[in-house]
Amino acid sequence: MELVPGNTLITATPEEGRALAIKLARLTVKATQPDDAVREHLRSEYAEEHATGLISVAQVVALEFATIAAANGYWR
């Protein structure tokens, strides 16, 4: 499984960086729980947790995005 698509964090724009951050977060979940059926079952459980699960997802994506932004020199 390729955990860093194209083996780079470099993106042309912040928008592409944000999309990469979301992809990295999703790949992390898949790497952590490779069984599709289990992930599907867990997805329905965390969907019912409302704010807690969504905030946790947002935090992971924000951390990934901060790492990507730094790697890109904050697109200066």
Protein backbone atom coordinates (compact mmCIF):
# COMPACT_ATOMS: atom_id res chain seq x y z
CA MET A 1 0.00 0.00 0.00
CA GLU A 2 1.38 3.39 -1.01
CA LEU A 3 0.94 5.62 2.05
CA VAL A 4 2.28 8.83 0.46
CA PRO A 5 0.84 9.07 -3.07
CA GLY A 6 3.65 9.69 -5.54
CA ASN A 7 6.08 9.57 -2.60
CA THR A 8 5.87 13.35 -2.18
CA LEU A 9 4.08 15.93 -0.08
CA ILE A 10 4.75 18.65 -2.64
CA THR A 11 1.61 20.10 -4.22
CA ALA A 12 1.03 23.03 -6.58
CA THR A 13 -1.59 24.77 -4.45
CA PRO A 14 -3.02 24.80 -0.94
CA GLU A 15 -6.22 23.28 -2.37
CA GLU A 16 -4.24 20.31 -3.68
CA GLY A 17 -2.49 20.14 -0.30
CA ARG A 18 -5.82 19.95 1.51
CA ALA A 19 -7.00 17.17 -0.80
CA LEU A 20 -3.75 15.30 -0.14
CA ALA A 21 -4.24 15.74 3.62
CA ILE A 22 -7.67 14.12 3.40
CA LYS A 23 -6.28 11.29 1.28
CA LEU A 24 -3.44 10.68 3.75
CA ALA A 25 -5.89 10.54 6.65
CA ARG A 26 -8.02 8.01 4.76
CA LEU A 27 -4.96 5.92 3.88
CA THR A 28 -3.96 5.90 7.55
CA VAL A 29 -7.34 4.48 8.52
CA LYS A 30 -7.09 1.85 5.78
CA ALA A 31 -3.55 0.88 6.83
CA THR A 32 -4.60 0.66 10.47
CA GLN A 33 -7.70 -1.42 9.70
CA PRO A 34 -7.18 -3.20 6.37
CA ASP A 35 -10.37 -5.28 6.57
CA ASP A 36 -13.02 -3.56 4.41
CA ALA A 37 -15.93 -5.18 6.25
CA VAL A 38 -14.66 -4.08 9.65
CA ARG A 39 -14.07 -0.51 8.41
CA GLU A 40 -17.59 -0.40 6.98
CA HIS A 41 -19.03 -1.60 10.30
CA LEU A 42 -16.99 0.92 12.28
CA ARG A 43 -18.00 3.74 9.92
CA SER A 44 -21.65 3.28 10.84
CA GLU A 45 -20.74 3.33 14.53
CA TYR A 46 -18.67 6.52 14.45
CA ALA A 47 -21.26 8.20 12.22
CA GLU A 48 -23.66 8.03 15.16
CA GLU A 49 -21.20 9.63 17.58
CA HIS A 50 -21.82 12.96 15.86
CA ALA A 51 -19.48 15.69 17.04
CA THR A 52 -16.80 13.59 18.73
CA GLY A 53 -15.96 11.50 15.68
CA LEU A 54 -16.16 14.41 13.27
CA ILE A 55 -13.92 16.58 15.42
CA SER A 56 -11.37 13.76 15.62
CA VAL A 57 -11.37 13.40 11.84
CA ALA A 58 -10.95 17.15 11.41
CA GLN A 59 -7.98 17.13 13.81
CA VAL A 60 -6.21 14.38 11.90
CA VAL A 61 -6.74 16.15 8.56
CA ALA A 62 -5.56 19.45 10.07
CA LEU A 63 -2.36 17.81 11.30
CA GLU A 64 -1.74 16.22 7.89
CA PHE A 65 -2.40 19.58 6.21
CA ALA A 66 0.02 21.40 8.54
CA THR A 67 2.72 18.88 7.63
CA ILE A 68 2.03 19.28 3.90
CA ALA A 69 1.96 23.08 4.16
CA ALA A 70 5.33 23.08 5.89
CA ALA A 71 6.78 20.75 3.23
CA ASN A 72 5.58 23.21 0.59
CA GLY A 73 7.04 26.27 2.29
CA TYR A 74 3.47 27.40 2.92
CA TRP A 75 3.19 27.95 -0.88
CA ARG A 76 5.31 31.10 -0.85
